[in-house]
PDB file of N, CA and C in Angstrom:
ATOM      1  N   UNK A   1      87.289 -87.452  39.520  1.00  0.00           N
ATOM      2  CA  UNK A   1      87.929 -87.325  38.494  1.00  0.00           C
ATOM      3  C   UNK A   1      87.075 -87.981  37.576  1.00  0.00           C
ATOM      4  N   UNK A   2      86.655 -89.203  37.813  1.00  0.00           N
ATOM      5  CA  UNK A   2      85.671 -89.804  36.945  1.00  0.00           C
ATOM      6  C   UNK A   2      84.174 -89.125  36.609  1.00  0.00           C
ATOM      7  N   UNK A   3      83.688 -88.569  37.367  1.00  0.00           N
ATOM      8  CA  UNK A   3      82.614 -87.945  37.247  1.00  0.00           C
ATOM      9  C   UNK A   3      82.650 -86.973  35.890  1.00  0.00           C
ATOM     10  N   UNK A   4      83.832 -86.193  36.318  1.00  0.00           N
ATOM     11  CA  UNK A   4      84.064 -85.228  35.273  1.00  0.00           C
ATOM     12  C   UNK A   4      84.733 -85.320  33.864  1.00  0.00           C
ATOM     13  N   UNK A   5      85.413 -86.828  33.967  1.00  0.00           N
ATOM     14  CA  UNK A   5      85.798 -87.545  32.764  1.00  0.00           C
ATOM     15  C   UNK A   5      84.017 -88.041  31.980  1.00  0.00           C
ATOM     16  N   UNK A   6      83.072 -88.626  32.931  1.00  0.00           N
ATOM     17  CA  UNK A   6      82.144 -88.867  32.108  1.00  0.00           C
ATOM     18  C   UNK A   6      81.063 -87.491  31.515  1.00  0.00           C
ATOM     19  N   UNK A   7      81.099 -86.798  32.893  1.00  0.00           N
ATOM     20  CA  UNK A   7      81.054 -85.448  31.825  1.00  0.00           C
ATOM     21  C   UNK A   7      81.299 -85.084  30.496  1.00  0.00           C
ATOM     22  N   UNK A   8      82.539 -85.079  30.588  1.00  0.00           N
ATOM     23  CA  UNK A   8      83.303 -84.541  29.231  1.00  0.00           C
ATOM     24  C   UNK A   8      83.010 -85.502  27.983  1.00  0.00           C
ATOM     25  N   UNK A   9      82.709 -86.881  28.429  1.00  0.00           N
ATOM     26  CA  UNK A   9      82.587 -87.660  27.139  1.00  0.00           C
ATOM     27  C   UNK A   9      80.820 -87.193  26.985  1.00  0.00           C
ATOM     28  N   UNK A  10      80.102 -86.783  27.745  1.00  0.00           N
ATOM     29  CA  UNK A  10      78.626 -86.468  27.731  1.00  0.00           C
ATOM     30  C   UNK A  10      78.794 -85.642  26.813  1.00  0.00           C
ATOM     31  N   UNK A  11      79.582 -84.414  26.808  1.00  0.00           N
ATOM     32  CA  UNK A  11      79.659 -82.964  26.698  1.00  0.00           C
ATOM     33  C   UNK A  11      79.948 -83.099  25.140  1.00  0.00           C
ATOM     34  N   UNK A  12      80.743 -83.960  24.880  1.00  0.00           N
ATOM     35  CA  UNK A  12      81.773 -84.186  23.362  1.00  0.00           C
ATOM     36  C   UNK A  12      80.446 -84.777  22.707  1.00  0.00           C
ATOM     37  N   UNK A  13      79.748 -85.733  23.329  1.00  0.00           N
ATOM     38  CA  UNK A  13      78.348 -86.139  22.414  1.00  0.00           C
ATOM     39  C   UNK A  13      77.793 -85.315  22.006  1.00  0.00           C
ATOM     40  N   UNK A  14      77.310 -84.250  22.732  1.00  0.00           N
ATOM     41  CA  UNK A  14      76.390 -83.135  22.783  1.00  0.00           C
ATOM     42  C   UNK A  14      76.827 -82.377  21.924  1.00  0.00           C
ATOM     43  N   UNK A  15      77.757 -82.137  22.014  1.00  0.00           N
ATOM     44  CA  UNK A  15      78.670 -80.820  20.727  1.00  0.00           C
ATOM     45  C   UNK A  15      78.492 -81.633  19.391  1.00  0.00           C
ATOM     46  N   UNK A  16      78.775 -82.701  19.438  1.00  0.00           N
ATOM     47  CA  UNK A  16      78.611 -83.606  17.997  1.00  0.00           C
ATOM     48  C   UNK A  16      77.358 -83.758  17.520  1.00  0.00           C
ATOM     49  N   UNK A  17      76.416 -83.764  18.146  1.00  0.00           N
ATOM     50  CA  UNK A  17      74.853 -83.830  17.838  1.00  0.00           C
ATOM     51  C   UNK A  17      74.641 -82.403  17.432  1.00  0.00           C
ATOM     52  N   UNK A  18      74.616 -81.234  18.039  1.00  0.00           N
ATOM     53  CA  UNK A  18      74.586 -80.125  17.777  1.00  0.00           C
ATOM     54  C   UNK A  18      75.208 -79.386  16.412  1.00  0.00           C
ATOM     55  N   UNK A  19      76.540 -80.112  16.231  1.00  0.00           N
ATOM     56  CA  UNK A  19      76.906 -79.625  14.714  1.00  0.00           C
ATOM     57  C   UNK A  19      76.254 -80.659  13.963  1.00  0.00           C
ATOM     58  N   UNK A  20      75.716 -81.907  14.176  1.00  0.00           N
ATOM     59  CA  UNK A  20      75.389 -82.848  12.936  1.00  0.00           C
ATOM     60  C   UNK A  20      74.101 -81.992  12.931  1.00  0.00           C
ATOM     61  N   UNK A  21      73.087 -81.440  13.459  1.00  0.00           N
ATOM     62  CA  UNK A  21      71.735 -80.802  13.604  1.00  0.00           C
ATOM     63  C   UNK A  21      71.893 -79.728  12.809  1.00  0.00           C
ATOM     64  N   UNK A  22      72.848 -78.564  13.259  1.00  0.00           N
ATOM     65  CA  UNK A  22      73.146 -77.444  12.553  1.00  0.00           C
ATOM     66  C   UNK A  22      73.644 -77.716  11.038  1.00  0.00           C
ATOM     67  N   UNK A  23      74.394 -78.653  11.011  1.00  0.00           N
ATOM     68  CA  UNK A  23      74.742 -79.303   9.190  1.00  0.00           C
ATOM     69  C   UNK A  23      73.790 -79.418   8.431  1.00  0.00           C
ATOM     70  N   UNK A  24      72.805 -80.243   9.050  1.00  0.00           N
ATOM     71  CA  UNK A  24      71.571 -80.349   8.726  1.00  0.00           C
ATOM     72  C   UNK A  24      70.520 -79.284   8.109  1.00  0.00           C
ATOM     73  N   UNK A  25      70.370 -78.419   9.241  1.00  0.00           N
ATOM     74  CA  UNK A  25      69.811 -77.109   8.590  1.00  0.00           C
ATOM     75  C   UNK A  25      70.180 -76.165   7.715  1.00  0.00           C
ATOM     76  N   UNK A  26      71.813 -76.242   7.697  1.00  0.00           N
ATOM     77  CA  UNK A  26      72.350 -75.498   6.565  1.00  0.00           C
ATOM     78  C   UNK A  26      72.209 -76.314   5.413  1.00  0.00           C
ATOM     79  N   UNK A  27      72.332 -77.144   5.001  1.00  0.00           N
ATOM     80  CA  UNK A  27      72.067 -78.466   3.984  1.00  0.00           C
ATOM     81  C   UNK A  27      70.465 -77.831   3.490  1.00  0.00           C
ATOM     82  N   UNK A  28      69.489 -78.100   4.537  1.00  0.00           N
ATOM     83  CA  UNK A  28      68.256 -77.792   4.037  1.00  0.00           C
ATOM     84  C   UNK A  28      67.705 -76.469   3.581  1.00  0.00           C
ATOM     85  N   UNK A  29      68.266 -75.255   4.289  1.00  0.00           N
ATOM     86  CA  UNK A  29      68.311 -74.108   3.889  1.00  0.00           C
ATOM     87  C   UNK A  29      68.601 -73.966   2.385  1.00  0.00           C
ATOM     88  N   UNK A  30      69.767 -74.697   2.018  1.00  0.00           N
ATOM     89  CA  UNK A  30      70.367 -74.375   0.866  1.00  0.00           C
ATOM     90  C   UNK A  30      69.644 -74.817   0.276  1.00  0.00           C
ATOM     91  N   UNK A  31      69.027 -76.346   0.637  1.00  0.00           N
ATOM     92  CA  UNK A  31      68.102 -77.027  -0.715  1.00  0.00           C
ATOM     93  C   UNK A  31      66.961 -76.383  -1.068  1.00  0.00           C
ATOM     94  N   UNK A  32      66.362 -75.597   0.003  1.00  0.00           N
ATOM     95  CA  UNK A  32      65.158 -74.707  -0.183  1.00  0.00           C
ATOM     96  C   UNK A  32      65.398 -73.443  -0.956  1.00  0.00           C
ATOM     97  N   UNK A  33      66.337 -72.649  -0.647  1.00  0.00           N
ATOM     98  CA  UNK A  33      66.776 -71.324  -1.742  1.00  0.00           C
ATOM     99  C   UNK A  33      67.214 -71.814  -3.052  1.00  0.00           C
ATOM    100  N   UNK A  34      67.893 -72.806  -3.089  1.00  0.00           N
ATOM    101  CA  UNK A  34      68.422 -73.340  -4.515  1.00  0.00           C
ATOM    102  C   UNK A  34      67.046 -73.365  -5.453  1.00  0.00           C
ATOM    103  N   UNK A  35      66.060 -74.611  -4.376  1.00  0.00           N
ATOM    104  CA  UNK A  35      65.181 -74.872  -5.341  1.00  0.00           C
ATOM    105  C   UNK A  35      63.967 -73.655  -5.401  1.00  0.00           C
ATOM    106  N   UNK A  36      64.278 -72.742  -4.481  1.00  0.00           N
ATOM    107  CA  UNK A  36      63.496 -71.474  -4.906  1.00  0.00           C
ATOM    108  C   UNK A  36      63.650 -70.441  -5.751  1.00  0.00           C
ATOM    109  N   UNK A  37      64.968 -70.577  -5.758  1.00  0.00           N
ATOM    110  CA  UNK A  37      65.588 -69.556  -7.152  1.00  0.00           C
ATOM    111  C   UNK A  37      65.301 -70.601  -8.294  1.00  0.00           C
ATOM    112  N   UNK A  38      65.466 -71.659  -8.387  1.00  0.00           N
ATOM    113  CA  UNK A  38      65.190 -72.487  -9.761  1.00  0.00           C
ATOM    114  C   UNK A  38      63.669 -72.349 -10.047  1.00  0.00           C
ATOM    115  N   UNK A  39      62.813 -71.849  -8.971  1.00  0.00           N
ATOM    116  CA  UNK A  39      61.158 -71.805  -9.280  1.00  0.00           C
ATOM    117  C   UNK A  39      61.017 -70.497  -9.882  1.00  0.00           C
ATOM    118  N   UNK A  40      61.965 -69.723  -9.073  1.00  0.00           N
ATOM    119  CA  UNK A  40      61.514 -67.815  -9.859  1.00  0.00           C
ATOM    120  C   UNK A  40      62.009 -67.830 -11.007  1.00  0.00           C
ATOM    121  N   UNK A  41      63.453 -68.756 -11.605  1.00  0.00           N
ATOM    122  CA  UNK A  41      63.796 -67.990 -12.845  1.00  0.00           C
ATOM    123  C   UNK A  41      63.317 -69.287 -13.783  1.00  0.00           C
TER     124      UNK A  41
END
């Protein structure tokens, strides 16, 4: 019981970290695309 609970906590932390990285990647790609478009036009 204790081990599975600890594993669940760890998994939650990993999922949160993955989401943070995913959000940062989306923001960076949006910024790059936006700056690229402004450079073209």
